[in-house]
Amino acid sequence: MKSKGNNAAAGRRPARDTTAGRKADAPSAAKKERKPVTMRLDLDVIDYFKAEADRTGIPYQNLINLYLQECVAEGKTLRFA
């Protein structure tokens, strides 16, 4: 008789560790609620953040969010020429 608690005995794969070999997304205290958005960004901006993603191992969309969070935290204001 097969044991319910033993995945190998039941012919199933053992649970996969999805965090193995993955760098942390970002140093943050707690997960905040997020909302998906669609934005049109200049190609050079995307290329910059993708290069930073390759360098840091953090997904480029997370890096964009981190930068925007920094702007919010520091109260940065936009300057137009």
PDB file of N, CA and C in Angstrom:
ATOM      1  N   MET A   1       0.840  -1.186   0.000  1.00  0.00           N
ATOM      2  CA  MET A   1       0.000   0.000   0.000  1.00  0.00           C
ATOM      3  C   MET A   1       0.880   1.242   0.000  1.00  0.00           C
ATOM      4  N   LYS A   2       0.493   2.241  -0.782  1.00  0.00           N
ATOM      5  CA  LYS A   2       1.279   3.459  -0.919  1.00  0.00           C
ATOM      6  C   LYS A   2       1.010   4.394   0.248  1.00  0.00           C
ATOM      7  N   SER A   3       2.078   5.048   0.684  1.00  0.00           N
ATOM      8  CA  SER A   3       1.960   6.017   1.765  1.00  0.00           C
ATOM      9  C   SER A   3       1.535   7.361   1.190  1.00  0.00           C
ATOM     10  N   LYS A   4       0.585   8.032   1.798  1.00  0.00           N
ATOM     11  CA  LYS A   4       0.115   9.327   1.319  1.00  0.00           C
ATOM     12  C   LYS A   4       1.179  10.414   1.466  1.00  0.00           C
ATOM     13  N   GLY A   5       2.032  10.309   2.466  1.00  0.00           N
ATOM     14  CA  GLY A   5       3.016  11.345   2.725  1.00  0.00           C
ATOM     15  C   GLY A   5       4.303  11.209   1.936  1.00  0.00           C
ATOM     16  N   ASN A   6       4.477  10.140   1.201  1.00  0.00           N
ATOM     17  CA  ASN A   6       5.729   9.916   0.487  1.00  0.00           C
ATOM     18  C   ASN A   6       5.499  10.087  -1.002  1.00  0.00           C
ATOM     19  N   ASN A   7       5.920  11.222  -1.568  1.00  0.00           N
ATOM     20  CA  ASN A   7       5.707  11.509  -2.982  1.00  0.00           C
ATOM     21  C   ASN A   7       6.404  10.516  -3.885  1.00  0.00           C
ATOM     22  N   ALA A   8       7.615  10.093  -3.531  1.00  0.00           N
ATOM     23  CA  ALA A   8       8.348   9.149  -4.361  1.00  0.00           C
ATOM     24  C   ALA A   8       7.617   7.820  -4.424  1.00  0.00           C
ATOM     25  N   ALA A   9       7.088   7.372  -3.302  1.00  0.00           N
ATOM     26  CA  ALA A   9       6.371   6.109  -3.269  1.00  0.00           C
ATOM     27  C   ALA A   9       5.072   6.201  -4.050  1.00  0.00           C
ATOM     28  N   ALA A  10       4.513   7.383  -4.150  1.00  0.00           N
ATOM     29  CA  ALA A  10       3.249   7.571  -4.852  1.00  0.00           C
ATOM     30  C   ALA A  10       3.472   7.784  -6.348  1.00  0.00           C
ATOM     31  N   GLY A  11       4.734   7.738  -6.794  1.00  0.00           N
ATOM     32  CA  GLY A  11       5.041   7.926  -8.199  1.00  0.00           C
ATOM     33  C   GLY A  11       5.060   9.375  -8.631  1.00  0.00           C
ATOM     34  N   ARG A  12       5.126  10.289  -7.697  1.00  0.00           N
ATOM     35  CA  ARG A  12       5.169  11.711  -8.000  1.00  0.00           C
ATOM     36  C   ARG A  12       6.576  12.241  -7.773  1.00  0.00           C
ATOM     37  N   ARG A  13       6.860  13.324  -8.452  1.00  0.00           N
ATOM     38  CA  ARG A  13       8.146  13.994  -8.229  1.00  0.00           C
ATOM     39  C   ARG A  13       8.120  14.678  -6.877  1.00  0.00           C
ATOM     40  N   PRO A  14       9.257  14.737  -6.201  1.00  0.00           N
ATOM     41  CA  PRO A  14       9.308  15.514  -4.963  1.00  0.00           C
ATOM     42  C   PRO A  14       9.119  16.997  -5.279  1.00  0.00           C
ATOM     43  N   ALA A  15       8.643  17.742  -4.314  1.00  0.00           N
ATOM     44  CA  ALA A  15       8.437  19.178  -4.514  1.00  0.00           C
ATOM     45  C   ALA A  15       9.753  19.835  -4.874  1.00  0.00           C
ATOM     46  N   ARG A  16       9.703  20.753  -5.823  1.00  0.00           N
ATOM     47  CA  ARG A  16      10.888  21.434  -6.309  1.00  0.00           C
ATOM     48  C   ARG A  16      11.119  22.706  -5.510  1.00  0.00           C
ATOM     49  N   ASP A  17      12.369  22.949  -5.148  1.00  0.00           N
ATOM     50  CA  ASP A  17      12.726  24.176  -4.437  1.00  0.00           C
ATOM     51  C   ASP A  17      12.876  25.270  -5.479  1.00  0.00           C
ATOM     52  N   THR A  18      11.918  26.195  -5.544  1.00  0.00           N
ATOM     53  CA  THR A  18      11.940  27.250  -6.549  1.00  0.00           C
ATOM     54  C   THR A  18      12.888  28.384  -6.193  1.00  0.00           C
ATOM     55  N   THR A  19      13.432  28.381  -4.985  1.00  0.00           N
ATOM     56  CA  THR A  19      14.331  29.463  -4.589  1.00  0.00           C
ATOM     57  C   THR A  19      15.798  29.091  -4.766  1.00  0.00           C
ATOM     58  N   ALA A  20      16.090  27.831  -5.053  1.00  0.00           N
ATOM     59  CA  ALA A  20      17.480  27.392  -5.187  1.00  0.00           C
ATOM     60  C   ALA A  20      18.136  28.083  -6.374  1.00  0.00           C
ATOM     61  N   GLY A  21      19.302  28.642  -6.158  1.00  0.00           N
ATOM     62  CA  GLY A  21      20.068  29.273  -7.210  1.00  0.00           C
ATOM     63  C   GLY A  21      19.521  30.619  -7.656  1.00  0.00           C
ATOM     64  N   ARG A  22      18.554  31.155  -6.973  1.00  0.00           N
ATOM     65  CA  ARG A  22      17.946  32.425  -7.346  1.00  0.00           C
ATOM     66  C   ARG A  22      18.381  33.499  -6.369  1.00  0.00           C
ATOM     67  N   LYS A  23      18.781  34.617  -6.912  1.00  0.00           N
ATOM     68  CA  LYS A  23      19.148  35.742  -6.051  1.00  0.00           C
ATOM     69  C   LYS A  23      17.883  36.409  -5.538  1.00  0.00           C
ATOM     70  N   ALA A  24      17.994  37.046  -4.414  1.00  0.00           N
ATOM     71  CA  ALA A  24      16.849  37.763  -3.841  1.00  0.00           C
ATOM     72  C   ALA A  24      16.416  38.862  -4.796  1.00  0.00           C
ATOM     73  N   ASP A  25      15.114  39.085  -4.890  1.00  0.00           N
ATOM     74  CA  ASP A  25      14.596  40.126  -5.779  1.00  0.00           C
ATOM     75  C   ASP A  25      15.074  41.508  -5.352  1.00  0.00           C
ATOM     76  N   ALA A  26      14.983  41.777  -4.090  1.00  0.00           N
ATOM     77  CA  ALA A  26      15.401  43.089  -3.612  1.00  0.00           C
ATOM     78  C   ALA A  26      15.378  43.097  -2.101  1.00  0.00           C
ATOM     79  N   PRO A  27      16.204  43.941  -1.508  1.00  0.00           N
ATOM     80  CA  PRO A  27      16.152  44.044  -0.050  1.00  0.00           C
ATOM     81  C   PRO A  27      14.935  44.857   0.367  1.00  0.00           C
ATOM     82  N   SER A  28      13.876  44.207   0.776  1.00  0.00           N
ATOM     83  CA  SER A  28      12.682  44.926   1.204  1.00  0.00           C
ATOM     84  C   SER A  28      12.144  44.302   2.481  1.00  0.00           C
ATOM     85  N   ALA A  29      11.485  45.103   3.275  1.00  0.00           N
ATOM     86  CA  ALA A  29      10.985  44.642   4.563  1.00  0.00           C
ATOM     87  C   ALA A  29       9.792  43.715   4.398  1.00  0.00           C
ATOM     88  N   ALA A  30       8.832  44.092   3.582  1.00  0.00           N
ATOM     89  CA  ALA A  30       7.622  43.287   3.430  1.00  0.00           C
ATOM     90  C   ALA A  30       7.105  43.429   2.009  1.00  0.00           C
ATOM     91  N   LYS A  31       6.400  42.410   1.565  1.00  0.00           N
ATOM     92  CA  LYS A  31       5.809  42.463   0.231  1.00  0.00           C
ATOM     93  C   LYS A  31       4.649  43.446   0.248  1.00  0.00           C
ATOM     94  N   LYS A  32       4.656  44.369  -0.693  1.00  0.00           N
ATOM     95  CA  LYS A  32       3.578  45.336  -0.814  1.00  0.00           C
ATOM     96  C   LYS A  32       2.630  44.862  -1.905  1.00  0.00           C
ATOM     97  N   GLU A  33       1.405  45.341  -1.828  1.00  0.00           N
ATOM     98  CA  GLU A  33       0.447  45.029  -2.874  1.00  0.00           C
ATOM     99  C   GLU A  33       0.912  45.678  -4.172  1.00  0.00           C
ATOM    100  N   ARG A  34       0.782  44.954  -5.274  1.00  0.00           N
ATOM    101  CA  ARG A  34       1.203  45.477  -6.572  1.00  0.00           C
ATOM    102  C   ARG A  34       0.048  45.420  -7.554  1.00  0.00           C
ATOM    103  N   LYS A  35       0.115  46.298  -8.540  1.00  0.00           N
ATOM    104  CA  LYS A  35      -0.902  46.345  -9.581  1.00  0.00           C
ATOM    105  C   LYS A  35      -0.193  46.325 -10.930  1.00  0.00           C
ATOM    106  N   PRO A  36      -0.590  45.418 -11.818  1.00  0.00           N
ATOM    107  CA  PRO A  36       0.038  45.402 -13.147  1.00  0.00           C
ATOM    108  C   PRO A  36      -0.357  46.648 -13.940  1.00  0.00           C
ATOM    109  N   VAL A  37       0.615  47.213 -14.642  1.00  0.00           N
ATOM    110  CA  VAL A  37       0.370  48.382 -15.488  1.00  0.00           C
ATOM    111  C   VAL A  37       1.080  48.178 -16.827  1.00  0.00           C
ATOM    112  N   THR A  38       0.628  48.899 -17.811  1.00  0.00           N
ATOM    113  CA  THR A  38       1.286  48.901 -19.119  1.00  0.00           C
ATOM    114  C   THR A  38       1.863  50.293 -19.324  1.00  0.00           C
ATOM    115  N   MET A  39       3.148  50.334 -19.697  1.00  0.00           N
ATOM    116  CA  MET A  39       3.822  51.622 -19.907  1.00  0.00           C
ATOM    117  C   MET A  39       4.596  51.572 -21.207  1.00  0.00           C
ATOM    118  N   ARG A  40       4.727  52.701 -21.825  1.00  0.00           N
ATOM    119  CA  ARG A  40       5.588  52.820 -23.000  1.00  0.00           C
ATOM    120  C   ARG A  40       6.868  53.517 -22.534  1.00  0.00           C
ATOM    121  N   LEU A  41       7.975  52.784 -22.618  1.00  0.00           N
ATOM    122  CA  LEU A  41       9.266  53.310 -22.188  1.00  0.00           C
ATOM    123  C   LEU A  41      10.199  53.394 -23.384  1.00  0.00           C
ATOM    124  N   ASP A  42      11.087  54.368 -23.352  1.00  0.00           N
ATOM    125  CA  ASP A  42      12.092  54.481 -24.409  1.00  0.00           C
ATOM    126  C   ASP A  42      13.003  53.256 -24.378  1.00  0.00           C
ATOM    127  N   LEU A  43      13.469  52.855 -25.558  1.00  0.00           N
ATOM    128  CA  LEU A  43      14.305  51.660 -25.661  1.00  0.00           C
ATOM    129  C   LEU A  43      15.589  51.779 -24.849  1.00  0.00           C
ATOM    130  N   ASP A  44      16.183  52.971 -24.814  1.00  0.00           N
ATOM    131  CA  ASP A  44      17.418  53.118 -24.053  1.00  0.00           C
ATOM    132  C   ASP A  44      17.180  52.931 -22.553  1.00  0.00           C
ATOM    133  N   VAL A  45      16.005  53.300 -22.073  1.00  0.00           N
ATOM    134  CA  VAL A  45      15.660  53.102 -20.660  1.00  0.00           C
ATOM    135  C   VAL A  45      15.535  51.606 -20.364  1.00  0.00           C
ATOM    136  N   ILE A  46      14.839  50.894 -21.239  1.00  0.00           N
ATOM    137  CA  ILE A  46      14.689  49.447 -21.064  1.00  0.00           C
ATOM    138  C   ILE A  46      16.049  48.760 -21.124  1.00  0.00           C
ATOM    139  N   ASP A  47      16.869  49.142 -22.093  1.00  0.00           N
ATOM    140  CA  ASP A  47      18.206  48.548 -22.226  1.00  0.00           C
ATOM    141  C   ASP A  47      19.048  48.781 -20.972  1.00  0.00           C
ATOM    142  N   TYR A  48      18.951  49.987 -20.410  1.00  0.00           N
ATOM    143  CA  TYR A  48      19.701  50.308 -19.192  1.00  0.00           C
ATOM    144  C   TYR A  48      19.292  49.378 -18.052  1.00  0.00           C
ATOM    145  N   PHE A  49      17.989  49.264 -17.813  1.00  0.00           N
ATOM    146  CA  PHE A  49      17.527  48.439 -16.702  1.00  0.00           C
ATOM    147  C   PHE A  49      17.763  46.952 -16.952  1.00  0.00           C
ATOM    148  N   LYS A  50      17.700  46.517 -18.201  1.00  0.00           N
ATOM    149  CA  LYS A  50      18.001  45.107 -18.498  1.00  0.00           C
ATOM    150  C   LYS A  50      19.478  44.810 -18.255  1.00  0.00           C
ATOM    151  N   ALA A  51      20.352  45.761 -18.583  1.00  0.00           N
ATOM    152  CA  ALA A  51      21.784  45.579 -18.307  1.00  0.00           C
ATOM    153  C   ALA A  51      22.024  45.519 -16.800  1.00  0.00           C
ATOM    154  N   GLU A  52      21.331  46.375 -16.059  1.00  0.00           N
ATOM    155  CA  GLU A  52      21.440  46.346 -14.598  1.00  0.00           C
ATOM    156  C   GLU A  52      20.895  45.028 -14.048  1.00  0.00           C
ATOM    157  N   ALA A  53      19.850  44.500 -14.669  1.00  0.00           N
ATOM    158  CA  ALA A  53      19.288  43.213 -14.255  1.00  0.00           C
ATOM    159  C   ALA A  53      20.315  42.102 -14.453  1.00  0.00           C
ATOM    160  N   ASP A  54      21.010  42.126 -15.584  1.00  0.00           N
ATOM    161  CA  ASP A  54      22.063  41.127 -15.828  1.00  0.00           C
ATOM    162  C   ASP A  54      23.177  41.248 -14.797  1.00  0.00           C
ATOM    163  N   ARG A  55      23.532  42.481 -14.458  1.00  0.00           N
ATOM    164  CA  ARG A  55      24.619  42.722 -13.512  1.00  0.00           C
ATOM    165  C   ARG A  55      24.242  42.305 -12.096  1.00  0.00           C
ATOM    166  N   THR A  56      23.001  42.582 -11.699  1.00  0.00           N
ATOM    167  CA  THR A  56      22.599  42.359 -10.311  1.00  0.00           C
ATOM    168  C   THR A  56      21.866  41.043 -10.074  1.00  0.00           C
ATOM    169  N   GLY A  57      21.279  40.476 -11.121  1.00  0.00           N
ATOM    170  CA  GLY A  57      20.478  39.269 -10.953  1.00  0.00           C
ATOM    171  C   GLY A  57      19.062  39.557 -10.494  1.00  0.00           C
ATOM    172  N   ILE A  58      18.692  40.834 -10.465  1.00  0.00           N
ATOM    173  CA  ILE A  58      17.339  41.239 -10.080  1.00  0.00           C
ATOM    174  C   ILE A  58      16.570  41.541 -11.366  1.00  0.00           C
ATOM    175  N   PRO A  59      15.362  41.017 -11.528  1.00  0.00           N
ATOM    176  CA  PRO A  59      14.591  41.287 -12.748  1.00  0.00           C
ATOM    177  C   PRO A  59      14.450  42.782 -13.019  1.00  0.00           C
ATOM    178  N   TYR A  60      14.520  43.153 -14.305  1.00  0.00           N
ATOM    179  CA  TYR A  60      14.541  44.577 -14.641  1.00  0.00           C
ATOM    180  C   TYR A  60      13.281  45.312 -14.206  1.00  0.00           C
ATOM    181  N   GLN A  61      12.132  44.656 -14.229  1.00  0.00           N
ATOM    182  CA  GLN A  61      10.908  45.322 -13.786  1.00  0.00           C
ATOM    183  C   GLN A  61      10.975  45.626 -12.283  1.00  0.00           C
ATOM    184  N   ASN A  62      11.579  44.736 -11.521  1.00  0.00           N
ATOM    185  CA  ASN A  62      11.772  44.980 -10.095  1.00  0.00           C
ATOM    186  C   ASN A  62      12.723  46.161  -9.884  1.00  0.00           C
ATOM    187  N   LEU A  63      13.763  46.255 -10.715  1.00  0.00           N
ATOM    188  CA  LEU A  63      14.701  47.366 -10.590  1.00  0.00           C
ATOM    189  C   LEU A  63      14.022  48.703 -10.883  1.00  0.00           C
ATOM    190  N   ILE A  64      13.173  48.721 -11.888  1.00  0.00           N
ATOM    191  CA  ILE A  64      12.433  49.950 -12.182  1.00  0.00           C
ATOM    192  C   ILE A  64      11.569  50.331 -10.985  1.00  0.00           C
ATOM    193  N   ASN A  65      10.892  49.343 -10.408  1.00  0.00           N
ATOM    194  CA  ASN A  65      10.056  49.608  -9.232  1.00  0.00           C
ATOM    195  C   ASN A  65      10.905  50.096  -8.060  1.00  0.00           C
ATOM    196  N   LEU A  66      12.067  49.482  -7.852  1.00  0.00           N
ATOM    197  CA  LEU A  66      12.949  49.920  -6.768  1.00  0.00           C
ATOM    198  C   LEU A  66      13.377  51.376  -6.952  1.00  0.00           C
ATOM    199  N   TYR A  67      13.712  51.740  -8.187  1.00  0.00           N
ATOM    200  CA  TYR A  67      14.119  53.115  -8.443  1.00  0.00           C
ATOM    201  C   TYR A  67      12.961  54.079  -8.180  1.00  0.00           C
ATOM    202  N   LEU A  68      11.779  53.713  -8.632  1.00  0.00           N
ATOM    203  CA  LEU A  68      10.617  54.573  -8.401  1.00  0.00           C
ATOM    204  C   LEU A  68      10.283  54.664  -6.914  1.00  0.00           C
ATOM    205  N   GLN A  69      10.462  53.558  -6.181  1.00  0.00           N
ATOM    206  CA  GLN A  69      10.258  53.589  -4.727  1.00  0.00           C
ATOM    207  C   GLN A  69      11.251  54.541  -4.064  1.00  0.00           C
ATOM    208  N   GLU A  70      12.490  54.541  -4.562  1.00  0.00           N
ATOM    209  CA  GLU A  70      13.496  55.469  -4.034  1.00  0.00           C
ATOM    210  C   GLU A  70      13.071  56.914  -4.279  1.00  0.00           C
ATOM    211  N   CYS A  71      12.525  57.190  -5.456  1.00  0.00           N
ATOM    212  CA  CYS A  71      12.033  58.538  -5.759  1.00  0.00           C
ATOM    213  C   CYS A  71      10.947  58.947  -4.783  1.00  0.00           C
ATOM    214  N   VAL A  72      10.036  58.019  -4.492  1.00  0.00           N
ATOM    215  CA  VAL A  72       8.945  58.303  -3.556  1.00  0.00           C
ATOM    216  C   VAL A  72       9.508  58.553  -2.158  1.00  0.00           C
ATOM    217  N   ALA A  73      10.400  57.681  -1.707  1.00  0.00           N
ATOM    218  CA  ALA A  73      10.946  57.781  -0.353  1.00  0.00           C
ATOM    219  C   ALA A  73      11.724  59.086  -0.149  1.00  0.00           C
ATOM    220  N   GLU A  74      12.426  59.524  -1.190  1.00  0.00           N
ATOM    221  CA  GLU A  74      13.227  60.743  -1.083  1.00  0.00           C
ATOM    222  C   GLU A  74      12.444  62.000  -1.452  1.00  0.00           C
ATOM    223  N   GLY A  75      11.194  61.824  -1.859  1.00  0.00           N
ATOM    224  CA  GLY A  75      10.368  62.971  -2.223  1.00  0.00           C
ATOM    225  C   GLY A  75      10.891  63.716  -3.436  1.00  0.00           C
ATOM    226  N   LYS A  76      11.497  62.982  -4.354  1.00  0.00           N
ATOM    227  CA  LYS A  76      12.044  63.635  -5.554  1.00  0.00           C
ATOM    228  C   LYS A  76      10.906  64.263  -6.364  1.00  0.00           C
ATOM    229  N   THR A  77      11.191  65.398  -6.972  1.00  0.00           N
ATOM    230  CA  THR A  77      10.232  66.047  -7.835  1.00  0.00           C
ATOM    231  C   THR A  77      10.793  66.108  -9.248  1.00  0.00           C
ATOM    232  N   LEU A  78       9.906  66.128 -10.216  1.00  0.00           N
ATOM    233  CA  LEU A  78      10.333  66.157 -11.614  1.00  0.00           C
ATOM    234  C   LEU A  78      10.742  67.568 -12.003  1.00  0.00           C
ATOM    235  N   ARG A  79      11.796  67.646 -12.793  1.00  0.00           N
ATOM    236  CA  ARG A  79      12.255  68.934 -13.334  1.00  0.00           C
ATOM    237  C   ARG A  79      12.186  68.846 -14.838  1.00  0.00           C
ATOM    238  N   PHE A  80      11.542  69.802 -15.460  1.00  0.00           N
ATOM    239  CA  PHE A  80      11.435  69.831 -16.894  1.00  0.00           C
ATOM    240  C   PHE A  80      12.256  70.992 -17.441  1.00  0.00           C
ATOM    241  N   ALA A  81      12.920  70.749 -18.540  1.00  0.00           N
ATOM    242  CA  ALA A  81      13.781  71.785 -19.130  1.00  0.00           C
ATOM    243  C   ALA A  81      12.977  72.867 -19.791  1.00  0.00           C
TER     244      ALA A  81
END
